[in-house]
């Protein structure tokens, strides 16, 4: 019997680069799971290509990056570039971490859909993901 409901959102949560601090990523992954989102957590030290490959293979709707290393400008740009290279721009990229307010506009201009800095309530993040990820993907 066909279902009238859409399949659950699928989101890859990733820690790109050399940053070894993953508590925040795990908290967000758990919060998204609790909100009914299917989460694929890639673990530490992932390259942008590994992250995108996982998202494509898993048919993900979104990629959430957690960056605390200070390399956010490079890492977000590389993920977006690999998505374009693989013709997967329909996968929504969002993220969080230690990102200076002055860098946020440039990241948004690059194509990052949303950024969440320390202190953002997990509920705000899960609500944003549930209401924006698939709808933004459909616009691409």
C-alpha atoms as a PDB file:
ATOM      1  CA  UNK A   1       0.000   0.000   0.000  1.00  0.00           C
ATOM      2  CA  UNK A   2       1.515   3.386  -0.986  1.00  0.00           C
ATOM      3  CA  UNK A   3       2.212   5.869   1.748  1.00  0.00           C
ATOM      4  CA  UNK A   4       0.860   9.420   1.658  1.00  0.00           C
ATOM      5  CA  UNK A   5       3.777  10.696   3.718  1.00  0.00           C
ATOM      6  CA  UNK A   6       7.174  11.717   2.457  1.00  0.00           C
ATOM      7  CA  UNK A   7      10.153   9.598   3.436  1.00  0.00           C
ATOM      8  CA  UNK A   8      12.101  10.872   6.431  1.00  0.00           C
ATOM      9  CA  UNK A   9      14.748  13.492   5.859  1.00  0.00           C
ATOM     10  CA  UNK A  10      18.246  12.056   5.514  1.00  0.00           C
ATOM     11  CA  UNK A  11      21.107  14.209   6.757  1.00  0.00           C
ATOM     12  CA  UNK A  12      24.837  13.565   6.870  1.00  0.00           C
ATOM     13  CA  UNK A  13      26.533  15.104   9.905  1.00  0.00           C
ATOM     14  CA  UNK A  14      30.271  15.470   9.338  1.00  0.00           C
ATOM     15  CA  UNK A  15      33.454  16.696  10.989  1.00  0.00           C
ATOM     16  CA  UNK A  16      35.722  17.875   8.172  1.00  0.00           C
ATOM     17  CA  UNK A  17      39.426  18.408   8.520  1.00  0.00           C
ATOM     18  CA  UNK A  18      41.718  17.817  11.440  1.00  0.00           C
ATOM     19  CA  UNK A  19      39.420  19.026  14.220  1.00  0.00           C
ATOM     20  CA  UNK A  20      39.005  16.286  16.825  1.00  0.00           C
ATOM     21  CA  UNK A  21      36.205  17.830  18.860  1.00  0.00           C
ATOM     22  CA  UNK A  22      32.964  16.066  17.997  1.00  0.00           C
ATOM     23  CA  UNK A  23      30.702  16.545  21.011  1.00  0.00           C
ATOM     24  CA  UNK A  24      28.630  19.230  19.275  1.00  0.00           C
ATOM     25  CA  UNK A  25      28.230  17.127  16.139  1.00  0.00           C
ATOM     26  CA  UNK A  26      27.065  14.179  18.222  1.00  0.00           C
ATOM     27  CA  UNK A  27      24.600  16.349  20.155  1.00  0.00           C
ATOM     28  CA  UNK A  28      23.110  17.640  16.893  1.00  0.00           C
ATOM     29  CA  UNK A  29      23.025  14.141  15.394  1.00  0.00           C
ATOM     30  CA  UNK A  30      21.111  12.854  18.430  1.00  0.00           C
ATOM     31  CA  UNK A  31      18.715  15.811  18.440  1.00  0.00           C
ATOM     32  CA  UNK A  32      17.957  15.314  14.739  1.00  0.00           C
ATOM     33  CA  UNK A  33      17.388  11.583  15.257  1.00  0.00           C
ATOM     34  CA  UNK A  34      15.051  12.357  18.151  1.00  0.00           C
ATOM     35  CA  UNK A  35      13.170  14.698  15.787  1.00  0.00           C
ATOM     36  CA  UNK A  36      12.653  11.896  13.251  1.00  0.00           C
ATOM     37  CA  UNK A  37      15.499  12.697  10.860  1.00  0.00           C
ATOM     38  CA  UNK A  38      17.619   9.816   9.551  1.00  0.00           C
ATOM     39  CA  UNK A  39      21.196  10.769  10.419  1.00  0.00           C
ATOM     40  CA  UNK A  40      24.417   9.401   8.990  1.00  0.00           C
ATOM     41  CA  UNK A  41      27.331  10.505  11.189  1.00  0.00           C
ATOM     42  CA  UNK A  42      30.628  10.195   9.341  1.00  0.00           C
ATOM     43  CA  UNK A  43      32.959  10.521  12.319  1.00  0.00           C
ATOM     44  CA  UNK A  44      36.114  12.574  12.659  1.00  0.00           C
ATOM     45  CA  UNK A  45      38.697  13.732  10.114  1.00  0.00           C
ATOM     46  CA  UNK A  46      36.636  13.527   6.933  1.00  0.00           C
ATOM     47  CA  UNK A  47      37.706  15.201   3.705  1.00  0.00           C
ATOM     48  CA  UNK A  48      35.169  17.265   1.778  1.00  0.00           C
ATOM     49  CA  UNK A  49      35.166  14.576  -0.934  1.00  0.00           C
ATOM     50  CA  UNK A  50      34.473  11.800   1.593  1.00  0.00           C
ATOM     51  CA  UNK A  51      31.608  13.831   3.034  1.00  0.00           C
ATOM     52  CA  UNK A  52      30.022  14.492  -0.357  1.00  0.00           C
ATOM     53  CA  UNK A  53      30.558  10.895  -1.483  1.00  0.00           C
ATOM     54  CA  UNK A  54      28.741   9.699   1.645  1.00  0.00           C
ATOM     55  CA  UNK A  55      25.881  12.148   1.083  1.00  0.00           C
ATOM     56  CA  UNK A  56      25.464  11.073  -2.542  1.00  0.00           C
ATOM     57  CA  UNK A  57      25.689   7.353  -1.734  1.00  0.00           C
ATOM     58  CA  UNK A  58      23.194   7.720   1.121  1.00  0.00           C
ATOM     59  CA  UNK A  59      20.800   9.832  -0.980  1.00  0.00           C
ATOM     60  CA  UNK A  60      20.952  12.536   1.680  1.00  0.00           C
ATOM     61  CA  UNK A  61      18.843  15.662   1.605  1.00  0.00           C
ATOM     62  CA  UNK A  62      21.368  17.659   3.586  1.00  0.00           C
ATOM     63  CA  UNK A  63      24.883  17.894   4.932  1.00  0.00           C
ATOM     64  CA  UNK A  64      25.564  19.428   8.322  1.00  0.00           C
ATOM     65  CA  UNK A  65      29.179  20.377   8.953  1.00  0.00           C
ATOM     66  CA  UNK A  66      30.632  20.979  12.396  1.00  0.00           C
ATOM     67  CA  UNK A  67      33.786  23.080  12.219  1.00  0.00           C
ATOM     68  CA  UNK A  68      35.718  24.217  15.269  1.00  0.00           C
ATOM     69  CA  UNK A  69      39.207  24.335  13.757  1.00  0.00           C
ATOM     70  CA  UNK A  70      39.106  27.784  12.176  1.00  0.00           C
ATOM     71  CA  UNK A  71      39.193  26.305   8.662  1.00  0.00           C
ATOM     72  CA  UNK A  72      35.499  26.948   8.048  1.00  0.00           C
ATOM     73  CA  UNK A  73      35.993  29.193   5.004  1.00  0.00           C
ATOM     74  CA  UNK A  74      38.051  26.564   3.182  1.00  0.00           C
ATOM     75  CA  UNK A  75      36.095  23.486   4.285  1.00  0.00           C
ATOM     76  CA  UNK A  76      32.604  24.794   3.490  1.00  0.00           C
ATOM     77  CA  UNK A  77      33.830  26.071   0.104  1.00  0.00           C
ATOM     78  CA  UNK A  78      35.410  22.705  -0.719  1.00  0.00           C
ATOM     79  CA  UNK A  79      32.254  20.772   0.185  1.00  0.00           C
ATOM     80  CA  UNK A  80      30.177  23.095  -1.997  1.00  0.00           C
ATOM     81  CA  UNK A  81      32.686  22.748  -4.837  1.00  0.00           C
ATOM     82  CA  UNK A  82      32.634  18.938  -4.704  1.00  0.00           C
ATOM     83  CA  UNK A  83      28.829  18.980  -4.612  1.00  0.00           C
ATOM     84  CA  UNK A  84      28.832  21.084  -7.787  1.00  0.00           C
ATOM     85  CA  UNK A  85      31.424  18.817  -9.391  1.00  0.00           C
ATOM     86  CA  UNK A  86      29.230  15.783  -8.678  1.00  0.00           C
ATOM     87  CA  UNK A  87      26.072  17.561  -9.858  1.00  0.00           C
ATOM     88  CA  UNK A  88      24.635  17.238  -6.361  1.00  0.00           C
ATOM     89  CA  UNK A  89      23.860  20.875  -5.605  1.00  0.00           C
ATOM     90  CA  UNK A  90      20.385  19.812  -4.540  1.00  0.00           C
ATOM     91  CA  UNK A  91      21.895  18.629  -1.227  1.00  0.00           C
ATOM     92  CA  UNK A  92      21.451  21.446   1.279  1.00  0.00           C
ATOM     93  CA  UNK A  93      24.575  22.406   3.238  1.00  0.00           C
ATOM     94  CA  UNK A  94      24.292  23.886   6.717  1.00  0.00           C
ATOM     95  CA  UNK A  95      26.634  23.947   9.630  1.00  0.00           C
ATOM     96  CA  UNK A  96      27.879  25.276  12.860  1.00  0.00           C
ATOM     97  CA  UNK A  97      30.800  25.710  15.147  1.00  0.00           C
ATOM     98  CA  UNK A  98      33.192  28.478  15.990  1.00  0.00           C
ATOM     99  CA  UNK A  99      32.487  30.772  13.065  1.00  0.00           C
ATOM    100  CA  UNK A 100      33.097  34.497  13.481  1.00  0.00           C
ATOM    101  CA  UNK A 101      30.072  36.669  12.745  1.00  0.00           C
ATOM    102  CA  UNK A 102      32.140  38.521  10.125  1.00  0.00           C
ATOM    103  CA  UNK A 103      32.582  35.307   8.091  1.00  0.00           C
ATOM    104  CA  UNK A 104      28.916  34.285   8.082  1.00  0.00           C
ATOM    105  CA  UNK A 105      27.750  36.552   5.215  1.00  0.00           C
ATOM    106  CA  UNK A 106      30.499  35.265   2.910  1.00  0.00           C
ATOM    107  CA  UNK A 107      29.664  31.642   3.713  1.00  0.00           C
ATOM    108  CA  UNK A 108      25.987  32.288   3.042  1.00  0.00           C
ATOM    109  CA  UNK A 109      26.917  33.945  -0.263  1.00  0.00           C
ATOM    110  CA  UNK A 110      28.928  30.835  -1.183  1.00  0.00           C
ATOM    111  CA  UNK A 111      25.785  28.751  -0.819  1.00  0.00           C
ATOM    112  CA  UNK A 112      25.724  27.563   2.788  1.00  0.00           C
ATOM    113  CA  UNK A 113      22.017  27.573   3.671  1.00  0.00           C
ATOM    114  CA  UNK A 114      22.333  28.290   7.410  1.00  0.00           C
ATOM    115  CA  UNK A 115      24.940  28.578  10.144  1.00  0.00           C
ATOM    116  CA  UNK A 116      24.447  27.944  13.837  1.00  0.00           C
ATOM    117  CA  UNK A 117      26.947  29.308  16.327  1.00  0.00           C
ATOM    118  CA  UNK A 118      27.561  28.222  19.922  1.00  0.00           C
ATOM    119  CA  UNK A 119      24.546  28.747  22.147  1.00  0.00           C
ATOM    120  CA  UNK A 120      21.960  28.060  19.449  1.00  0.00           C
ATOM    121  CA  UNK A 121      19.278  25.865  21.027  1.00  0.00           C
ATOM    122  CA  UNK A 122      19.207  22.373  19.524  1.00  0.00           C
ATOM    123  CA  UNK A 123      15.467  22.743  19.035  1.00  0.00           C
ATOM    124  CA  UNK A 124      16.044  25.752  16.755  1.00  0.00           C
ATOM    125  CA  UNK A 125      18.457  23.683  14.670  1.00  0.00           C
ATOM    126  CA  UNK A 126      16.163  20.655  14.408  1.00  0.00           C
ATOM    127  CA  UNK A 127      13.194  22.847  13.497  1.00  0.00           C
ATOM    128  CA  UNK A 128      15.234  24.605  10.815  1.00  0.00           C
ATOM    129  CA  UNK A 129      16.384  21.287   9.352  1.00  0.00           C
ATOM    130  CA  UNK A 130      12.873  19.807   9.358  1.00  0.00           C
ATOM    131  CA  UNK A 131      11.345  22.874   7.697  1.00  0.00           C
ATOM    132  CA  UNK A 132      14.108  23.946   5.295  1.00  0.00           C
ATOM    133  CA  UNK A 133      16.323  21.086   4.160  1.00  0.00           C
ATOM    134  CA  UNK A 134      13.993  19.280   1.773  1.00  0.00           C
ATOM    135  CA  UNK A 135      12.281  22.483   0.620  1.00  0.00           C
ATOM    136  CA  UNK A 136      15.646  24.112  -0.201  1.00  0.00           C
ATOM    137  CA  UNK A 137      16.778  20.960  -1.992  1.00  0.00           C
ATOM    138  CA  UNK A 138      13.679  21.103  -4.192  1.00  0.00           C
ATOM    139  CA  UNK A 139      14.610  24.622  -5.315  1.00  0.00           C
ATOM    140  CA  UNK A 140      18.039  23.591  -6.608  1.00  0.00           C
END
